[in-house]
Amino acid sequence: MNRYSNDGSASVEVDGELVQQAQKAPEGDLRAFETLVFRHQRWVIANCRYITRDPNNAEDLAQEILVKAFFGLRSFEGKATFGHWLKRIKIHHCLNHLKKHSGQSYVGIDEDGVSGSDQLKVQITAEQLAEQLSDRLVIGAILDSMSNSLRVPLILCDMDGLSYEEVAQSLGIGLSATKMRIKRAREEFRERYEQVQETGLKAIGK
């Protein structure tokens, strides 16, 4: 599902060169950093939208993340790739946004009220599904329909490429719970994707 990553070896090398240029640039010279922004902004916005399920604030969140990256760039030591470092900033910022605006706590998926909570789920109607014009939009609609407790771990693992251990640490939950949630999230996503495809075909055939 990771359609926005720029973590290919050639891309990582270019990022590294741009980071060095940005770090050495005189005050006011933002050319290298602006190029980094251009290379990464699209997937940052997309992931902000997927994690928070808030398309109206996704661009604002992305800008806040990129501002944090700008001010933190001088201290960036290159122990990880720039893309991975930026992902960590993005994840932390988006999770804080979720907690602040929805009071989200990553409760167990089998606890009472989780699976049926109206605050955690958005139902997809047949009309909405029929209006989907691309696979990316279908993926977004399905992710929107999933609970936070399943959607967020799935995105961190399968979009951001975090290990189970990193996802568990980011969410403050146990490793076994993390593995269970990701497994169930993948199953639910696959099931809903197949349903969407079937519904879409029927709608087109009418």
Protein backbone atom coordinates (compact mmCIF):
# COMPACT_ATOMS: atom_id res chain seq x y z
CA MET A 1 0.00 0.00 0.00
CA ASN A 2 2.98 2.32 0.25
CA ARG A 3 2.41 4.42 -2.87
CA TYR A 4 4.13 7.59 -1.75
CA SER A 5 7.52 6.46 -0.41
CA ASN A 6 10.71 7.90 -1.86
CA ASP A 7 12.97 5.42 -0.09
CA GLY A 8 14.63 3.84 -3.15
CA SER A 9 18.42 3.73 -2.90
CA ALA A 10 18.92 6.44 -5.54
CA SER A 11 16.30 8.63 -3.91
CA VAL A 12 17.88 8.18 -0.47
CA GLU A 13 21.23 9.25 -1.90
CA VAL A 14 19.69 12.39 -3.40
CA ASP A 15 17.98 13.16 -0.09
CA GLY A 16 21.30 12.82 1.69
CA GLU A 17 22.95 15.30 -0.64
CA LEU A 18 20.07 17.74 -0.27
CA VAL A 19 20.18 17.46 3.53
CA GLN A 20 23.88 18.30 3.53
CA GLN A 21 23.27 21.28 1.24
CA ALA A 22 20.40 22.49 3.44
CA GLN A 23 22.47 22.15 6.60
CA LYS A 24 25.37 24.11 5.10
CA ALA A 25 23.21 26.72 3.37
CA PRO A 26 23.52 30.32 4.58
CA GLU A 27 20.61 31.80 6.47
CA GLY A 28 17.75 32.56 4.12
CA ASP A 29 18.84 30.11 1.43
CA LEU A 30 16.00 27.58 1.41
CA ARG A 31 16.53 26.07 -2.01
CA ALA A 32 17.80 22.67 -0.87
CA PHE A 33 15.14 22.33 1.82
CA GLU A 34 12.39 23.39 -0.58
CA THR A 35 13.53 20.62 -2.92
CA LEU A 36 13.29 18.15 -0.03
CA VAL A 37 9.78 19.42 0.68
CA PHE A 38 8.82 18.98 -2.97
CA ARG A 39 10.09 15.37 -2.91
CA HIS A 40 8.27 14.36 0.27
CA GLN A 41 5.28 16.64 0.71
CA ARG A 42 2.81 14.52 -1.26
CA TRP A 43 3.19 11.37 0.82
CA VAL A 44 3.32 13.36 4.06
CA ILE A 45 -0.05 14.94 3.26
CA ALA A 46 -1.50 11.60 2.17
CA ASN A 47 -0.36 9.82 5.32
CA CYS A 48 -1.59 12.64 7.54
CA ARG A 49 -4.97 12.25 5.89
CA TYR A 50 -4.96 8.45 6.26
CA ILE A 51 -3.83 8.43 9.90
CA THR A 52 -6.08 11.20 11.18
CA ARG A 53 -9.02 10.59 8.81
CA ASP A 54 -9.20 14.38 8.54
CA PRO A 55 -8.79 15.58 4.93
CA ASN A 56 -9.59 19.18 5.92
CA ASN A 57 -6.54 19.41 8.18
CA ALA A 58 -4.13 17.10 6.35
CA GLU A 59 -2.30 19.90 4.52
CA ASP A 60 -2.04 22.01 7.67
CA LEU A 61 -0.65 19.04 9.59
CA ALA A 62 1.83 18.36 6.82
CA GLN A 63 3.01 21.98 6.89
CA GLU A 64 3.45 21.80 10.66
CA ILE A 65 5.49 18.60 10.25
CA LEU A 66 7.69 20.14 7.57
CA VAL A 67 8.27 23.22 9.75
CA LYS A 68 9.37 20.92 12.58
CA ALA A 69 11.69 19.16 10.14
CA PHE A 70 13.14 22.47 9.01
CA PHE A 71 13.98 23.60 12.53
CA GLY A 72 15.29 20.15 13.44
CA LEU A 73 17.41 19.70 10.33
CA ARG A 74 20.54 21.26 11.81
CA SER A 75 20.62 18.56 14.48
CA PHE A 76 19.84 15.72 12.04
CA GLU A 77 22.87 13.41 12.18
CA GLY A 78 21.97 11.08 9.33
CA LYS A 79 21.85 7.92 11.46
CA ALA A 80 18.63 7.11 9.61
CA THR A 81 17.52 8.23 6.15
CA PHE A 82 15.87 11.61 5.88
CA GLY A 83 12.65 9.87 4.81
CA HIS A 84 12.62 7.67 7.91
CA TRP A 85 13.44 10.62 10.16
CA LEU A 86 10.60 12.62 8.59
CA LYS A 87 8.23 9.69 9.06
CA ARG A 88 9.00 9.61 12.77
CA ILE A 89 8.19 13.32 13.06
CA LYS A 90 5.01 12.81 11.05
CA ILE A 91 3.84 9.81 13.10
CA HIS A 92 4.44 11.56 16.42
CA HIS A 93 2.67 14.72 15.24
CA CYS A 94 -0.35 12.88 13.82
CA LEU A 95 -0.79 10.67 16.88
CA ASN A 96 -0.70 13.74 19.09
CA HIS A 97 -3.34 15.31 16.83
CA LEU A 98 -5.54 12.22 17.20
CA LYS A 99 -5.21 12.18 20.96
CA LYS A 100 -5.86 15.91 21.25
CA HIS A 101 -8.89 16.12 18.98
CA SER A 102 -10.61 12.79 19.46
CA GLY A 103 -9.40 11.67 22.86
CA GLN A 104 -8.21 8.51 21.14
CA SER A 105 -6.63 5.91 23.35
CA TYR A 106 -5.46 2.68 21.79
CA VAL A 107 -7.77 0.39 23.71
CA GLY A 108 -8.03 -3.29 22.94
CA ILE A 109 -9.97 -4.09 19.80
CA ASP A 110 -12.12 -6.57 21.67
CA GLU A 111 -13.10 -4.20 24.45
CA ASP A 112 -16.72 -3.11 24.71
CA GLY A 113 -17.73 -0.32 22.39
CA VAL A 114 -14.70 -0.35 20.12
CA SER A 115 -16.00 -2.20 17.10
CA GLY A 116 -19.33 -0.38 17.03
CA SER A 117 -18.35 3.13 18.07
CA ASP A 118 -19.79 5.77 15.74
CA GLN A 119 -16.87 8.03 16.62
CA LEU A 120 -14.34 5.48 15.38
CA LYS A 121 -16.08 4.30 12.22
CA VAL A 122 -17.50 5.90 9.13
CA GLN A 123 -19.84 3.79 7.05
CA ILE A 124 -19.26 3.63 3.29
CA THR A 125 -22.50 3.80 1.30
CA ALA A 126 -23.06 2.08 -2.04
CA GLU A 127 -23.28 5.48 -3.73
CA GLN A 128 -19.94 6.54 -2.29
CA LEU A 129 -18.33 3.34 -3.47
CA ALA A 130 -19.75 3.76 -6.96
CA GLU A 131 -18.21 7.23 -7.13
CA GLN A 132 -14.67 6.02 -6.50
CA LEU A 133 -12.60 6.79 -9.57
CA SER A 134 -9.23 5.32 -8.63
CA ASP A 135 -7.69 2.60 -6.55
CA ARG A 136 -6.11 5.21 -4.30
CA LEU A 137 -9.50 6.72 -3.49
CA VAL A 138 -10.93 3.27 -2.78
CA ILE A 139 -8.06 2.58 -0.38
CA GLY A 140 -8.70 5.89 1.35
CA ALA A 141 -12.41 5.19 1.68
CA ILE A 142 -11.77 1.75 3.16
CA LEU A 143 -9.21 3.10 5.63
CA ASP A 144 -11.72 5.78 6.65
CA SER A 145 -14.24 3.06 7.46
CA MET A 146 -11.89 1.25 9.84
CA SER A 147 -11.56 1.94 13.55
CA ASN A 148 -8.55 3.91 14.75
CA SER A 149 -7.34 0.92 16.73
CA LEU A 150 -6.95 -1.07 13.50
CA ARG A 151 -6.36 1.64 10.89
CA VAL A 152 -3.46 3.41 12.59
CA PRO A 153 -1.29 0.32 13.26
CA LEU A 154 -1.93 -0.86 9.69
CA ILE A 155 -0.80 2.45 8.21
CA LEU A 156 2.28 2.66 10.42
CA CYS A 157 3.31 -0.86 9.43
CA ASP A 158 2.28 -1.17 5.78
CA MET A 159 2.54 2.44 4.61
CA ASP A 160 5.29 3.82 6.80
CA GLY A 161 7.24 0.56 6.88
CA LEU A 162 7.68 0.45 10.66
CA SER A 163 8.50 -2.86 12.29
CA TYR A 164 6.07 -4.43 14.75
CA GLU A 165 8.37 -3.27 17.54
CA GLU A 166 8.38 0.31 16.24
CA VAL A 167 4.60 0.34 15.87
CA ALA A 168 4.18 -0.97 19.41
CA GLN A 169 6.52 1.70 20.74
CA SER A 170 4.80 4.48 18.79
CA LEU A 171 1.36 3.48 20.06
CA GLY A 172 2.42 2.54 23.57
CA ILE A 173 0.94 -0.96 23.37
CA GLY A 174 2.40 -4.45 23.73
CA LEU A 175 4.08 -6.31 20.89
CA SER A 176 1.56 -9.16 20.86
CA ALA A 177 -1.35 -6.69 20.76
CA THR A 178 0.36 -4.87 17.90
CA LYS A 179 0.76 -8.05 15.86
CA MET A 180 -2.86 -9.02 16.51
CA ARG A 181 -4.19 -5.63 15.46
CA ILE A 182 -2.16 -5.54 12.26
CA LYS A 183 -3.23 -9.07 11.39
CA ARG A 184 -6.89 -8.23 11.95
CA ALA A 185 -6.55 -4.93 10.14
CA ARG A 186 -5.06 -6.63 7.07
CA GLU A 187 -7.85 -9.18 7.08
CA GLU A 188 -10.51 -6.51 7.44
CA PHE A 189 -8.93 -4.33 4.75
CA ARG A 190 -8.68 -7.25 2.32
CA GLU A 191 -12.30 -8.26 2.97
CA ARG A 192 -13.61 -4.72 2.49
CA TYR A 193 -11.48 -4.17 -0.61
CA GLU A 194 -12.95 -7.29 -2.20
CA GLN A 195 -16.45 -6.10 -1.29
CA VAL A 196 -15.76 -2.70 -2.80
CA GLN A 197 -14.54 -4.25 -6.03
CA GLU A 198 -17.63 -6.44 -6.24
CA THR A 199 -19.98 -3.56 -5.50
CA GLY A 200 -18.22 -1.36 -7.99
CA LEU A 201 -18.53 -3.91 -10.76
CA LYS A 202 -22.23 -4.33 -10.08
CA ALA A 203 -22.73 -0.57 -10.08
CA ILE A 204 -20.93 -0.20 -13.39
CA GLY A 205 -22.96 -3.02 -14.91
CA LYS A 206 -26.24 -1.34 -14.11
